Amino acid sequence: QVQLVESGGGLVQAGGSLRLSCAASGRTFSSLSMGWFRQAPGKEREFVAAISRNNDITYYDDSVKGRFTISRDNAENTVYLQMNSLKPEDTAVYYCGADTGVALIRARSISTYDYWGQGTQVAVST
């Protein structure tokens, strides 16, 4: 079992920044590929970013590319999502997911991830 706990959400004005964290436990963190997804009210959960377990490959949705950065610290068992130049349309609950597979395949697919955190709310005001 893998436990994931997100933190760092909050209310921020448009153009501002937030850094989300997701702390993992229950399994060797370096064996997990990690992803961030988000879900806005009335919408389906959507892919934001992902990072391979070896920290050598990252993926981003086009809507966040150039504004968000995913990173990980295997010594701290934590994955981060640095979010800059936030827009009101970034408002959502943000979830991190863990993939126990050997390689991160189909990083943008929800079904790839075996474990999920409880989410952290991000609200961006105009």
C-alpha atoms as a PDB file:
ATOM      1  CA  GLN A   1       0.000   0.000   0.000  1.00  0.00           C
ATOM      2  CA  VAL A   2       1.095   3.513  -0.792  1.00  0.00           C
ATOM      3  CA  GLN A   3      -0.186   6.492   1.139  1.00  0.00           C
ATOM      4  CA  LEU A   4      -0.124   9.911  -0.497  1.00  0.00           C
ATOM      5  CA  VAL A   5      -0.759  13.212   1.261  1.00  0.00           C
ATOM      6  CA  GLU A   6      -1.000  16.452  -0.700  1.00  0.00           C
ATOM      7  CA  SER A   7      -0.489  19.895   0.777  1.00  0.00           C
ATOM      8  CA  GLY A   8       0.189  23.454  -0.292  1.00  0.00           C
ATOM      9  CA  GLY A   9      -3.117  24.434  -1.820  1.00  0.00           C
ATOM     10  CA  GLY A  10      -4.860  27.702  -1.096  1.00  0.00           C
ATOM     11  CA  LEU A  11      -6.334  30.886  -2.472  1.00  0.00           C
ATOM     12  CA  VAL A  12      -4.140  33.049  -4.687  1.00  0.00           C
ATOM     13  CA  GLN A  13      -4.671  35.949  -7.057  1.00  0.00           C
ATOM     14  CA  ALA A  14      -4.275  35.508 -10.775  1.00  0.00           C
ATOM     15  CA  GLY A  15      -0.614  35.751 -11.713  1.00  0.00           C
ATOM     16  CA  GLY A  16       0.488  34.374  -8.372  1.00  0.00           C
ATOM     17  CA  SER A  17       2.298  31.173  -7.472  1.00  0.00           C
ATOM     18  CA  LEU A  18       1.802  28.124  -5.315  1.00  0.00           C
ATOM     19  CA  ARG A  19       3.871  25.032  -4.676  1.00  0.00           C
ATOM     20  CA  LEU A  20       2.062  21.793  -4.039  1.00  0.00           C
ATOM     21  CA  SER A  21       3.691  18.888  -2.258  1.00  0.00           C
ATOM     22  CA  CYS A  22       2.784  15.226  -2.162  1.00  0.00           C
ATOM     23  CA  ALA A  23       4.421  13.079   0.491  1.00  0.00           C
ATOM     24  CA  ALA A  24       4.496   9.352  -0.104  1.00  0.00           C
ATOM     25  CA  SER A  25       4.923   6.454   2.287  1.00  0.00           C
ATOM     26  CA  GLY A  26       4.504   2.707   2.304  1.00  0.00           C
ATOM     27  CA  ARG A  27       6.806   1.888  -0.580  1.00  0.00           C
ATOM     28  CA  THR A  28      10.265   2.857  -1.771  1.00  0.00           C
ATOM     29  CA  PHE A  29       9.595   6.238  -3.332  1.00  0.00           C
ATOM     30  CA  SER A  30      12.198   5.829  -6.063  1.00  0.00           C
ATOM     31  CA  SER A  31      10.213   2.864  -7.387  1.00  0.00           C
ATOM     32  CA  LEU A  32       7.170   5.067  -8.079  1.00  0.00           C
ATOM     33  CA  SER A  33       6.419   7.258 -11.041  1.00  0.00           C
ATOM     34  CA  MET A  34       4.282  10.191  -9.959  1.00  0.00           C
ATOM     35  CA  GLY A  35       1.623  12.334 -11.538  1.00  0.00           C
ATOM     36  CA  TRP A  36      -0.493  15.370 -10.767  1.00  0.00           C
ATOM     37  CA  PHE A  37      -4.091  15.626 -11.901  1.00  0.00           C
ATOM     38  CA  ARG A  38      -6.814  18.150 -11.177  1.00  0.00           C
ATOM     39  CA  GLN A  39     -10.568  18.214 -11.075  1.00  0.00           C
ATOM     40  CA  ALA A  40     -12.662  21.339 -11.354  1.00  0.00           C
ATOM     41  CA  PRO A  41     -16.314  21.421 -10.214  1.00  0.00           C
ATOM     42  CA  GLY A  42     -18.535  19.621 -12.681  1.00  0.00           C
ATOM     43  CA  LYS A  43     -15.608  18.379 -14.745  1.00  0.00           C
ATOM     44  CA  GLU A  44     -13.684  15.166 -15.040  1.00  0.00           C
ATOM     45  CA  ARG A  45     -10.268  14.683 -13.489  1.00  0.00           C
ATOM     46  CA  GLU A  46      -7.601  15.752 -15.961  1.00  0.00           C
ATOM     47  CA  PHE A  47      -3.880  15.270 -16.353  1.00  0.00           C
ATOM     48  CA  VAL A  48      -1.524  18.071 -15.335  1.00  0.00           C
ATOM     49  CA  ALA A  49       2.028  16.699 -15.127  1.00  0.00           C
ATOM     50  CA  ALA A  50       4.009  13.529 -14.463  1.00  0.00           C
ATOM     51  CA  ILE A  51       7.561  12.515 -13.658  1.00  0.00           C
ATOM     52  CA  SER A  52       9.316   9.199 -14.062  1.00  0.00           C
ATOM     53  CA  ARG A  53      10.699   7.340 -11.081  1.00  0.00           C
ATOM     54  CA  ASN A  54      14.250   8.012 -12.231  1.00  0.00           C
ATOM     55  CA  ASN A  55      13.543  11.737 -12.407  1.00  0.00           C
ATOM     56  CA  ASP A  56      14.638  11.798 -16.035  1.00  0.00           C
ATOM     57  CA  ILE A  57      11.375  12.241 -17.921  1.00  0.00           C
ATOM     58  CA  THR A  58       8.600  14.761 -17.362  1.00  0.00           C
ATOM     59  CA  TYR A  59       5.268  15.262 -19.080  1.00  0.00           C
ATOM     60  CA  TYR A  60       2.973  18.280 -19.067  1.00  0.00           C
ATOM     61  CA  ASP A  61      -0.443  19.095 -20.357  1.00  0.00           C
ATOM     62  CA  ASP A  62      -0.294  21.872 -22.920  1.00  0.00           C
ATOM     63  CA  SER A  63      -2.432  24.099 -20.696  1.00  0.00           C
ATOM     64  CA  VAL A  64       0.280  24.276 -18.022  1.00  0.00           C
ATOM     65  CA  LYS A  65       3.451  23.919 -20.052  1.00  0.00           C
ATOM     66  CA  GLY A  66       5.813  26.785 -19.326  1.00  0.00           C
ATOM     67  CA  ARG A  67       3.966  27.739 -16.130  1.00  0.00           C
ATOM     68  CA  PHE A  68       4.079  24.585 -13.989  1.00  0.00           C
ATOM     69  CA  THR A  69       7.088  22.478 -13.066  1.00  0.00           C
ATOM     70  CA  ILE A  70       6.988  18.995 -11.605  1.00  0.00           C
ATOM     71  CA  SER A  71       9.944  17.759  -9.578  1.00  0.00           C
ATOM     72  CA  ARG A  72      10.733  15.131  -7.006  1.00  0.00           C
ATOM     73  CA  ASP A  73      13.059  14.594  -4.096  1.00  0.00           C
ATOM     74  CA  ASN A  74      13.572  10.888  -3.617  1.00  0.00           C
ATOM     75  CA  ALA A  75      15.423  11.478  -0.347  1.00  0.00           C
ATOM     76  CA  GLU A  76      12.352  13.295   1.027  1.00  0.00           C
ATOM     77  CA  ASN A  77       9.806  10.910  -0.571  1.00  0.00           C
ATOM     78  CA  THR A  78       8.045  13.920  -2.020  1.00  0.00           C
ATOM     79  CA  VAL A  79       6.897  15.143  -5.408  1.00  0.00           C
ATOM     80  CA  TYR A  80       6.277  18.827  -6.009  1.00  0.00           C
ATOM     81  CA  LEU A  81       4.267  20.920  -8.423  1.00  0.00           C
ATOM     82  CA  GLN A  82       5.486  24.496  -8.728  1.00  0.00           C
ATOM     83  CA  MET A  83       2.689  26.559 -10.234  1.00  0.00           C
ATOM     84  CA  ASN A  84       3.483  30.026 -11.568  1.00  0.00           C
ATOM     85  CA  SER A  85       1.422  32.579 -13.478  1.00  0.00           C
ATOM     86  CA  LEU A  86      -1.754  31.036 -12.149  1.00  0.00           C
ATOM     87  CA  LYS A  87      -5.010  31.655 -13.954  1.00  0.00           C
ATOM     88  CA  PRO A  88      -8.611  31.392 -12.733  1.00  0.00           C
ATOM     89  CA  GLU A  89      -9.032  28.342 -14.954  1.00  0.00           C
ATOM     90  CA  ASP A  90      -6.406  26.563 -12.841  1.00  0.00           C
ATOM     91  CA  THR A  91      -8.920  26.475  -9.987  1.00  0.00           C
ATOM     92  CA  ALA A  92      -9.491  22.839  -9.033  1.00  0.00           C
ATOM     93  CA  VAL A  93      -8.763  20.134  -6.511  1.00  0.00           C
ATOM     94  CA  TYR A  94      -5.280  18.831  -7.265  1.00  0.00           C
ATOM     95  CA  TYR A  95      -4.480  15.169  -6.743  1.00  0.00           C
ATOM     96  CA  CYS A  96      -1.226  13.285  -6.882  1.00  0.00           C
ATOM     97  CA  GLY A  97      -1.090   9.737  -8.103  1.00  0.00           C
ATOM     98  CA  ALA A  98       1.517   6.984  -7.854  1.00  0.00           C
ATOM     99  CA  ASP A  99       2.289   4.440 -10.545  1.00  0.00           C
ATOM    100  CA  THR A 100       3.987   1.229  -9.419  1.00  0.00           C
ATOM    101  CA  GLY A 101       4.812   0.069 -12.934  1.00  0.00           C
ATOM    102  CA  VAL A 102       8.330  -0.570 -14.180  1.00  0.00           C
ATOM    103  CA  ALA A 103       8.137   2.287 -16.652  1.00  0.00           C
ATOM    104  CA  LEU A 104       5.849   5.298 -16.878  1.00  0.00           C
ATOM    105  CA  ILE A 105       3.686   4.437 -19.829  1.00  0.00           C
ATOM    106  CA  ARG A 106       0.586   6.425 -20.711  1.00  0.00           C
ATOM    107  CA  ALA A 107       1.455   9.096 -18.143  1.00  0.00           C
ATOM    108  CA  ARG A 108      -1.605  11.136 -19.076  1.00  0.00           C
ATOM    109  CA  SER A 109      -4.081   8.354 -18.316  1.00  0.00           C
ATOM    110  CA  ILE A 110      -5.855   8.201 -14.958  1.00  0.00           C
ATOM    111  CA  SER A 111      -5.891   4.406 -15.117  1.00  0.00           C
ATOM    112  CA  THR A 112      -2.073   4.334 -15.083  1.00  0.00           C
ATOM    113  CA  TYR A 113      -1.966   5.326 -11.414  1.00  0.00           C
ATOM    114  CA  ASP A 114      -2.512   2.774  -8.680  1.00  0.00           C
ATOM    115  CA  TYR A 115      -2.785   5.081  -5.685  1.00  0.00           C
ATOM    116  CA  TRP A 116      -4.202   8.557  -5.093  1.00  0.00           C
ATOM    117  CA  GLY A 117      -4.079  11.187  -2.417  1.00  0.00           C
ATOM    118  CA  GLN A 118      -7.068  12.982  -0.968  1.00  0.00           C
ATOM    119  CA  GLY A 119      -6.455  16.177  -2.916  1.00  0.00           C
ATOM    120  CA  THR A 120      -5.699  19.788  -2.105  1.00  0.00           C
ATOM    121  CA  GLN A 121      -7.833  22.737  -3.183  1.00  0.00           C
ATOM    122  CA  VAL A 122      -6.376  25.482  -5.345  1.00  0.00           C
ATOM    123  CA  ALA A 123      -8.463  28.583  -5.984  1.00  0.00           C
ATOM    124  CA  VAL A 124      -7.303  31.407  -8.237  1.00  0.00           C
ATOM    125  CA  SER A 125      -9.170  34.691  -8.059  1.00  0.00           C
ATOM    126  CA  THR A 126      -9.334  37.400 -10.705  1.00  0.00           C
END
